């Protein structure tokens, strides 16, 4: 529901991004892969940012607007946190 309408194949994209998030998060546990996993997670966080903007601007969600606004800079915090692993 949170994916912008212009994005094709919502179900497939949801499964792929979820699998990537789990796999890349797990790879952070192995030092030999952690830098690659961190860059992959940064790319994933950047890729899902439009969905967060869509949630804020669409008016379709019953989440308080303040929380949706706070979610946007939280992406930057998460990116910096993951970057720390690089």
PDB file of N, CA and C in Angstrom:
ATOM      1  N   UNK A   1       0.803  -1.196   0.000  1.00  0.00           N
ATOM      2  CA  UNK A   1       0.000   0.000   0.000  1.00  0.00           C
ATOM      3  C   UNK A   1       0.852   1.269   0.000  1.00  0.00           C
ATOM      4  N   UNK A   2       2.048   1.171   0.578  1.00  0.00           N
ATOM      5  CA  UNK A   2       2.865   2.381   0.674  1.00  0.00           C
ATOM      6  C   UNK A   2       3.691   2.646  -0.582  1.00  0.00           C
ATOM      7  N   UNK A   3       3.648   1.743  -1.540  1.00  0.00           N
ATOM      8  CA  UNK A   3       4.420   1.962  -2.767  1.00  0.00           C
ATOM      9  C   UNK A   3       3.702   2.946  -3.673  1.00  0.00           C
ATOM     10  N   UNK A   4       4.452   3.869  -4.249  1.00  0.00           N
ATOM     11  CA  UNK A   4       3.841   4.835  -5.168  1.00  0.00           C
ATOM     12  C   UNK A   4       3.204   4.119  -6.359  1.00  0.00           C
ATOM     13  N   UNK A   5       2.102   4.650  -6.882  1.00  0.00           N
ATOM     14  CA  UNK A   5       1.405   3.986  -7.981  1.00  0.00           C
ATOM     15  C   UNK A   5       2.233   3.881  -9.266  1.00  0.00           C
ATOM     16  N   UNK A   6       3.215   4.743  -9.439  1.00  0.00           N
ATOM     17  CA  UNK A   6       4.022   4.702 -10.659  1.00  0.00           C
ATOM     18  C   UNK A   6       5.009   3.544 -10.662  1.00  0.00           C
ATOM     19  N   UNK A   7       5.182   2.886  -9.527  1.00  0.00           N
ATOM     20  CA  UNK A   7       6.112   1.765  -9.422  1.00  0.00           C
ATOM     21  C   UNK A   7       5.417   0.485  -9.886  1.00  0.00           C
ATOM     22  N   UNK A   8       5.996  -0.234 -10.860  1.00  0.00           N
ATOM     23  CA  UNK A   8       5.334  -1.450 -11.351  1.00  0.00           C
ATOM     24  C   UNK A   8       5.564  -2.648 -10.422  1.00  0.00           C
ATOM     25  N   UNK A   9       4.744  -3.644 -10.572  1.00  0.00           N
ATOM     26  CA  UNK A   9       4.903  -4.948  -9.910  1.00  0.00           C
ATOM     27  C   UNK A   9       5.101  -4.811  -8.403  1.00  0.00           C
ATOM     28  N   UNK A  10       4.137  -4.201  -7.736  1.00  0.00           N
ATOM     29  CA  UNK A  10       4.260  -3.928  -6.300  1.00  0.00           C
ATOM     30  C   UNK A  10       4.597  -5.169  -5.479  1.00  0.00           C
ATOM     31  N   UNK A  11       3.917  -6.259  -5.741  1.00  0.00           N
ATOM     32  CA  UNK A  11       4.141  -7.460  -4.945  1.00  0.00           C
ATOM     33  C   UNK A  11       5.564  -7.990  -5.129  1.00  0.00           C
ATOM     34  N   UNK A  12       6.025  -8.050  -6.362  1.00  0.00           N
ATOM     35  CA  UNK A  12       7.374  -8.539  -6.642  1.00  0.00           C
ATOM     36  C   UNK A  12       8.428  -7.620  -6.034  1.00  0.00           C
ATOM     37  N   UNK A  13       8.248  -6.325  -6.182  1.00  0.00           N
ATOM     38  CA  UNK A  13       9.200  -5.363  -5.624  1.00  0.00           C
ATOM     39  C   UNK A  13       9.225  -5.475  -4.099  1.00  0.00           C
ATOM     40  N   UNK A  14       8.071  -5.681  -3.500  1.00  0.00           N
ATOM     41  CA  UNK A  14       8.003  -5.830  -2.052  1.00  0.00           C
ATOM     42  C   UNK A  14       8.783  -7.061  -1.588  1.00  0.00           C
ATOM     43  N   UNK A  15       8.586  -8.194  -2.262  1.00  0.00           N
ATOM     44  CA  UNK A  15       9.317  -9.412  -1.896  1.00  0.00           C
ATOM     45  C   UNK A  15      10.817  -9.266  -2.124  1.00  0.00           C
ATOM     46  N   UNK A  16      11.193  -8.670  -3.241  1.00  0.00           N
ATOM     47  CA  UNK A  16      12.615  -8.508  -3.568  1.00  0.00           C
ATOM     48  C   UNK A  16      13.290  -7.576  -2.566  1.00  0.00           C
ATOM     49  N   UNK A  17      12.650  -6.449  -2.258  1.00  0.00           N
ATOM     50  CA  UNK A  17      13.268  -5.506  -1.323  1.00  0.00           C
ATOM     51  C   UNK A  17      13.329  -6.096   0.086  1.00  0.00           C
ATOM     52  N   UNK A  18      12.310  -6.850   0.469  1.00  0.00           N
ATOM     53  CA  UNK A  18      12.332  -7.491   1.783  1.00  0.00           C
ATOM     54  C   UNK A  18      13.428  -8.533   1.890  1.00  0.00           C
ATOM     55  N   UNK A  19      13.570  -9.350   0.848  1.00  0.00           N
ATOM     56  CA  UNK A  19      14.631 -10.368   0.842  1.00  0.00           C
ATOM     57  C   UNK A  19      16.008  -9.713   0.860  1.00  0.00           C
ATOM     58  N   UNK A  20      16.164  -8.631   0.094  1.00  0.00           N
ATOM     59  CA  UNK A  20      17.448  -7.917   0.067  1.00  0.00           C
ATOM     60  C   UNK A  20      17.755  -7.323   1.435  1.00  0.00           C
ATOM     61  N   UNK A  21      16.756  -6.780   2.085  1.00  0.00           N
ATOM     62  CA  UNK A  21      16.965  -6.178   3.409  1.00  0.00           C
ATOM     63  C   UNK A  21      17.418  -7.229   4.421  1.00  0.00           C
ATOM     64  N   UNK A  22      16.772  -8.381   4.402  1.00  0.00           N
ATOM     65  CA  UNK A  22      17.146  -9.454   5.326  1.00  0.00           C
ATOM     66  C   UNK A  22      18.548  -9.976   5.010  1.00  0.00           C
ATOM     67  N   UNK A  23      18.810 -10.259   3.733  1.00  0.00           N
ATOM     68  CA  UNK A  23      20.107 -10.816   3.338  1.00  0.00           C
ATOM     69  C   UNK A  23      21.246  -9.841   3.632  1.00  0.00           C
ATOM     70  N   UNK A  24      21.059  -8.591   3.269  1.00  0.00           N
ATOM     71  CA  UNK A  24      22.120  -7.602   3.495  1.00  0.00           C
ATOM     72  C   UNK A  24      22.327  -7.344   4.982  1.00  0.00           C
ATOM     73  N   UNK A  25      21.246  -7.322   5.739  1.00  0.00           N
ATOM     74  CA  UNK A  25      21.374  -7.162   7.188  1.00  0.00           C
ATOM     75  C   UNK A  25      22.145  -8.315   7.806  1.00  0.00           C
ATOM     76  N   UNK A  26      21.868  -9.528   7.340  1.00  0.00           N
ATOM     77  CA  UNK A  26      22.587 -10.701   7.858  1.00  0.00           C
ATOM     78  C   UNK A  26      24.063 -10.655   7.470  1.00  0.00           C
ATOM     79  N   UNK A  27      24.348 -10.179   6.262  1.00  0.00           N
ATOM     80  CA  UNK A  27      25.739 -10.119   5.814  1.00  0.00           C
ATOM     81  C   UNK A  27      26.573  -9.121   6.619  1.00  0.00           C
ATOM     82  N   UNK A  28      25.921  -8.184   7.287  1.00  0.00           N
ATOM     83  CA  UNK A  28      26.668  -7.255   8.141  1.00  0.00           C
ATOM     84  C   UNK A  28      27.375  -7.986   9.280  1.00  0.00           C
ATOM     85  N   UNK A  29      26.893  -9.179   9.613  1.00  0.00           N
ATOM     86  CA  UNK A  29      27.482  -9.936  10.718  1.00  0.00           C
ATOM     87  C   UNK A  29      28.840 -10.531  10.377  1.00  0.00           C
ATOM     88  N   UNK A  30      29.152 -10.674   9.091  1.00  0.00           N
ATOM     89  CA  UNK A  30      30.435 -11.232   8.669  1.00  0.00           C
ATOM     90  C   UNK A  30      31.337 -10.101   8.183  1.00  0.00           C
ATOM     91  N   UNK A  31      32.443  -9.878   8.869  1.00  0.00           N
ATOM     92  CA  UNK A  31      33.323  -8.752   8.520  1.00  0.00           C
ATOM     93  C   UNK A  31      33.780  -8.745   7.060  1.00  0.00           C
ATOM     94  N   UNK A  32      33.976  -9.907   6.487  1.00  0.00           N
ATOM     95  CA  UNK A  32      34.447  -9.949   5.107  1.00  0.00           C
ATOM     96  C   UNK A  32      33.404  -9.382   4.125  1.00  0.00           C
ATOM     97  N   UNK A  33      32.138  -9.437   4.501  1.00  0.00           N
ATOM     98  CA  UNK A  33      31.054  -8.945   3.629  1.00  0.00           C
ATOM     99  C   UNK A  33      30.445  -7.632   4.103  1.00  0.00           C
ATOM    100  N   UNK A  34      30.820  -7.173   5.282  1.00  0.00           N
ATOM    101  CA  UNK A  34      30.088  -6.065   5.894  1.00  0.00           C
ATOM    102  C   UNK A  34      30.123  -4.771   5.087  1.00  0.00           C
ATOM    103  N   UNK A  35      31.232  -4.461   4.456  1.00  0.00           N
ATOM    104  CA  UNK A  35      31.307  -3.228   3.667  1.00  0.00           C
ATOM    105  C   UNK A  35      30.364  -3.299   2.467  1.00  0.00           C
ATOM    106  N   UNK A  36      30.358  -4.435   1.775  1.00  0.00           N
ATOM    107  CA  UNK A  36      29.464  -4.602   0.625  1.00  0.00           C
ATOM    108  C   UNK A  36      28.003  -4.581   1.055  1.00  0.00           C
ATOM    109  N   UNK A  37      27.715  -5.248   2.177  1.00  0.00           N
ATOM    110  CA  UNK A  37      26.353  -5.277   2.698  1.00  0.00           C
ATOM    111  C   UNK A  37      25.899  -3.874   3.096  1.00  0.00           C
ATOM    112  N   UNK A  38      26.794  -3.112   3.716  1.00  0.00           N
ATOM    113  CA  UNK A  38      26.447  -1.754   4.132  1.00  0.00           C
ATOM    114  C   UNK A  38      26.113  -0.886   2.925  1.00  0.00           C
ATOM    115  N   UNK A  39      26.913  -0.963   1.879  1.00  0.00           N
ATOM    116  CA  UNK A  39      26.619  -0.178   0.675  1.00  0.00           C
ATOM    117  C   UNK A  39      25.319  -0.629   0.022  1.00  0.00           C
ATOM    118  N   UNK A  40      25.043  -1.925   0.063  1.00  0.00           N
ATOM    119  CA  UNK A  40      23.777  -2.425  -0.456  1.00  0.00           C
ATOM    120  C   UNK A  40      22.597  -1.901   0.347  1.00  0.00           C
ATOM    121  N   UNK A  41      22.748  -1.865   1.670  1.00  0.00           N
ATOM    122  CA  UNK A  41      21.673  -1.337   2.513  1.00  0.00           C
ATOM    123  C   UNK A  41      21.485   0.167   2.311  1.00  0.00           C
ATOM    124  N   UNK A  42      22.569   0.878   2.104  1.00  0.00           N
ATOM    125  CA  UNK A  42      22.448   2.310   1.814  1.00  0.00           C
ATOM    126  C   UNK A  42      21.667   2.510   0.521  1.00  0.00           C
ATOM    127  N   UNK A  43      21.988   1.728  -0.496  1.00  0.00           N
ATOM    128  CA  UNK A  43      21.252   1.819  -1.761  1.00  0.00           C
ATOM    129  C   UNK A  43      19.776   1.478  -1.556  1.00  0.00           C
ATOM    130  N   UNK A  44      19.509   0.477  -0.744  1.00  0.00           N
ATOM    131  CA  UNK A  44      18.126   0.091  -0.474  1.00  0.00           C
ATOM    132  C   UNK A  44      17.374   1.190   0.274  1.00  0.00           C
ATOM    133  N   UNK A  45      18.016   1.802   1.259  1.00  0.00           N
ATOM    134  CA  UNK A  45      17.378   2.898   1.995  1.00  0.00           C
ATOM    135  C   UNK A  45      17.089   4.094   1.087  1.00  0.00           C
ATOM    136  N   UNK A  46      17.987   4.370   0.166  1.00  0.00           N
ATOM    137  CA  UNK A  46      17.749   5.452  -0.797  1.00  0.00           C
ATOM    138  C   UNK A  46      16.606   5.072  -1.740  1.00  0.00           C
ATOM    139  N   UNK A  47      16.562   3.811  -2.141  1.00  0.00           N
ATOM    140  CA  UNK A  47      15.530   3.355  -3.078  1.00  0.00           C
ATOM    141  C   UNK A  47      14.126   3.385  -2.463  1.00  0.00           C
ATOM    142  N   UNK A  48      14.004   3.148  -1.167  1.00  0.00           N
ATOM    143  CA  UNK A  48      12.674   3.143  -0.546  1.00  0.00           C
ATOM    144  C   UNK A  48      12.240   4.533  -0.073  1.00  0.00           C
ATOM    145  N   UNK A  49      13.107   5.513  -0.168  1.00  0.00           N
ATOM    146  CA  UNK A  49      12.759   6.865   0.267  1.00  0.00           C
ATOM    147  C   UNK A  49      11.529   7.418  -0.461  1.00  0.00           C
ATOM    148  N   UNK A  50      11.386   7.216  -1.771  1.00  0.00           N
ATOM    149  CA  UNK A  50      10.171   7.720  -2.436  1.00  0.00           C
ATOM    150  C   UNK A  50       8.876   7.150  -1.847  1.00  0.00           C
ATOM    151  N   UNK A  51       8.916   5.929  -1.349  1.00  0.00           N
ATOM    152  CA  UNK A  51       7.721   5.364  -0.716  1.00  0.00           C
ATOM    153  C   UNK A  51       7.373   6.138   0.554  1.00  0.00           C
ATOM    154  N   UNK A  52       8.385   6.562   1.293  1.00  0.00           N
ATOM    155  CA  UNK A  52       8.132   7.358   2.503  1.00  0.00           C
ATOM    156  C   UNK A  52       7.557   8.725   2.150  1.00  0.00           C
ATOM    157  N   UNK A  53       8.062   9.320   1.080  1.00  0.00           N
ATOM    158  CA  UNK A  53       7.526  10.602   0.622  1.00  0.00           C
ATOM    159  C   UNK A  53       6.081  10.412   0.162  1.00  0.00           C
ATOM    160  N   UNK A  54       5.811   9.330  -0.551  1.00  0.00           N
ATOM    161  CA  UNK A  54       4.454   9.042  -1.014  1.00  0.00           C
ATOM    162  C   UNK A  54       3.503   8.884   0.170  1.00  0.00           C
ATOM    163  N   UNK A  55       3.957   8.192   1.214  1.00  0.00           N
ATOM    164  CA  UNK A  55       3.107   8.033   2.396  1.00  0.00           C
ATOM    165  C   UNK A  55       2.738   9.392   2.993  1.00  0.00           C
ATOM    166  N   UNK A  56       3.677  10.306   3.004  1.00  0.00           N
ATOM    167  CA  UNK A  56       3.440  11.639   3.557  1.00  0.00           C
ATOM    168  C   UNK A  56       2.504  12.453   2.675  1.00  0.00           C
ATOM    169  N   UNK A  57       2.683  12.381   1.379  1.00  0.00           N
ATOM    170  CA  UNK A  57       1.967  13.278   0.472  1.00  0.00           C
ATOM    171  C   UNK A  57       0.634  12.736  -0.036  1.00  0.00           C
ATOM    172  N   UNK A  58       0.412  11.431   0.053  1.00  0.00           N
ATOM    173  CA  UNK A  58      -0.807  10.866  -0.537  1.00  0.00           C
ATOM    174  C   UNK A  58      -2.057  11.081   0.297  1.00  0.00           C
ATOM    175  N   UNK A  59      -1.906  11.175   1.614  1.00  0.00           N
ATOM    176  CA  UNK A  59      -3.068  11.326   2.472  1.00  0.00           C
ATOM    177  C   UNK A  59      -3.892  10.058   2.629  1.00  0.00           C
ATOM    178  N   UNK A  60      -3.361   8.910   2.216  1.00  0.00           N
ATOM    179  CA  UNK A  60      -4.094   7.650   2.263  1.00  0.00           C
ATOM    180  C   UNK A  60      -3.867   6.865   3.548  1.00  0.00           C
ATOM    181  N   UNK A  61      -3.009   7.336   4.413  1.00  0.00           N
ATOM    182  CA  UNK A  61      -2.612   6.542   5.566  1.00  0.00           C
ATOM    183  C   UNK A  61      -3.104   7.186   6.855  1.00  0.00           C
ATOM    184  N   UNK A  62      -3.507   6.356   7.789  1.00  0.00           N
ATOM    185  CA  UNK A  62      -4.034   6.846   9.064  1.00  0.00           C
ATOM    186  C   UNK A  62      -2.931   6.931  10.123  1.00  0.00           C
ATOM    187  N   UNK A  63      -1.768   7.333   9.679  1.00  0.00           N
ATOM    188  CA  UNK A  63      -0.626   7.533  10.569  1.00  0.00           C
ATOM    189  C   UNK A  63      -0.512   9.038  10.785  1.00  0.00           C
ATOM    190  N   UNK A  64      -0.302   9.470  12.017  1.00  0.00           N
ATOM    191  CA  UNK A  64      -0.193  10.916  12.256  1.00  0.00           C
ATOM    192  C   UNK A  64       0.861  11.572  11.346  1.00  0.00           C
ATOM    193  N   UNK A  65       0.491  12.704  10.801  1.00  0.00           N
ATOM    194  CA  UNK A  65       1.370  13.417   9.859  1.00  0.00           C
ATOM    195  C   UNK A  65       2.739  13.695  10.459  1.00  0.00           C
ATOM    196  N   UNK A  66       2.788  14.019  11.730  1.00  0.00           N
ATOM    197  CA  UNK A  66       4.066  14.290  12.386  1.00  0.00           C
ATOM    198  C   UNK A  66       5.000  13.097  12.340  1.00  0.00           C
ATOM    199  N   UNK A  67       4.459  11.902  12.514  1.00  0.00           N
ATOM    200  CA  UNK A  67       5.288  10.699  12.439  1.00  0.00           C
ATOM    201  C   UNK A  67       5.789  10.460  11.014  1.00  0.00           C
ATOM    202  N   UNK A  68       4.936  10.746  10.048  1.00  0.00           N
ATOM    203  CA  UNK A  68       5.368  10.578   8.651  1.00  0.00           C
ATOM    204  C   UNK A  68       6.464  11.582   8.294  1.00  0.00           C
ATOM    205  N   UNK A  69       6.381  12.772   8.858  1.00  0.00           N
ATOM    206  CA  UNK A  69       7.420  13.784   8.624  1.00  0.00           C
ATOM    207  C   UNK A  69       8.722  13.356   9.301  1.00  0.00           C
ATOM    208  N   UNK A  70       8.632  12.849  10.523  1.00  0.00           N
ATOM    209  CA  UNK A  70       9.834  12.392  11.238  1.00  0.00           C
ATOM    210  C   UNK A  70      10.508  11.219  10.538  1.00  0.00           C
ATOM    211  N   UNK A  71       9.729  10.465   9.811  1.00  0.00           N
ATOM    212  CA  UNK A  71      10.267   9.298   9.119  1.00  0.00           C
ATOM    213  C   UNK A  71      11.275   9.683   8.036  1.00  0.00           C
ATOM    214  N   UNK A  72      11.090  10.835   7.434  1.00  0.00           N
ATOM    215  CA  UNK A  72      11.987  11.253   6.349  1.00  0.00           C
ATOM    216  C   UNK A  72      13.421  11.485   6.841  1.00  0.00           C
ATOM    217  N   UNK A  73      13.640  12.295   7.883  1.00  0.00           N
ATOM    218  CA  UNK A  73      15.023  12.441   8.352  1.00  0.00           C
ATOM    219  C   UNK A  73      15.556  11.176   9.016  1.00  0.00           C
ATOM    220  N   UNK A  74      14.657  10.312   9.482  1.00  0.00           N
ATOM    221  CA  UNK A  74      15.107   9.046  10.057  1.00  0.00           C
ATOM    222  C   UNK A  74      15.842   8.217   9.010  1.00  0.00           C
ATOM    223  N   UNK A  75      15.446   8.331   7.751  1.00  0.00           N
ATOM    224  CA  UNK A  75      16.159   7.630   6.680  1.00  0.00           C
ATOM    225  C   UNK A  75      17.621   8.061   6.651  1.00  0.00           C
ATOM    226  N   UNK A  76      17.866   9.354   6.816  1.00  0.00           N
ATOM    227  CA  UNK A  76      19.250   9.853   6.814  1.00  0.00           C
ATOM    228  C   UNK A  76      20.022   9.296   8.003  1.00  0.00           C
ATOM    229  N   UNK A  77      19.377   9.222   9.159  1.00  0.00           N
ATOM    230  CA  UNK A  77      20.025   8.652  10.346  1.00  0.00           C
ATOM    231  C   UNK A  77      20.377   7.193  10.098  1.00  0.00           C
ATOM    232  N   UNK A  78      19.448   6.453   9.507  1.00  0.00           N
ATOM    233  CA  UNK A  78      19.713   5.041   9.213  1.00  0.00           C
ATOM    234  C   UNK A  78      20.844   4.884   8.194  1.00  0.00           C
ATOM    235  N   UNK A  79      20.871   5.754   7.200  1.00  0.00           N
ATOM    236  CA  UNK A  79      21.943   5.703   6.203  1.00  0.00           C
ATOM    237  C   UNK A  79      23.290   5.974   6.871  1.00  0.00           C
ATOM    238  N   UNK A  80      23.346   6.962   7.741  1.00  0.00           N
ATOM    239  CA  UNK A  80      24.600   7.255   8.450  1.00  0.00           C
ATOM    240  C   UNK A  80      25.010   6.090   9.357  1.00  0.00           C
ATOM    241  N   UNK A  81      24.048   5.484   9.989  1.00  0.00           N
ATOM    242  CA  UNK A  81      24.315   4.341  10.861  1.00  0.00           C
ATOM    243  C   UNK A  81      24.892   3.173  10.062  1.00  0.00           C
ATOM    244  N   UNK A  82      24.305   2.911   8.897  1.00  0.00           N
ATOM    245  CA  UNK A  82      24.808   1.833   8.049  1.00  0.00           C
ATOM    246  C   UNK A  82      26.172   2.216   7.479  1.00  0.00           C
ATOM    247  N   UNK A  83      26.347   3.486   7.120  1.00  0.00           N
ATOM    248  CA  UNK A  83      27.633   3.945   6.587  1.00  0.00           C
ATOM    249  C   UNK A  83      28.758   3.713   7.584  1.00  0.00           C
ATOM    250  N   UNK A  84      28.447   3.776   8.855  1.00  0.00           N
ATOM    251  CA  UNK A  84      29.431   3.516   9.910  1.00  0.00           C
ATOM    252  C   UNK A  84      30.057   2.130   9.734  1.00  0.00           C
ATOM    253  N   UNK A  85      29.311   1.199   9.156  1.00  0.00           N
ATOM    254  CA  UNK A  85      29.834  -0.161   8.936  1.00  0.00           C
ATOM    255  C   UNK A  85      30.764  -0.237   7.727  1.00  0.00           C
ATOM    256  N   UNK A  86      30.839   0.817   6.930  1.00  0.00           N
ATOM    257  CA  UNK A  86      31.726   0.773   5.767  1.00  0.00           C
ATOM    258  C   UNK A  86      33.133   1.173   6.191  1.00  0.00           C
TER     259      UNK A  86
END
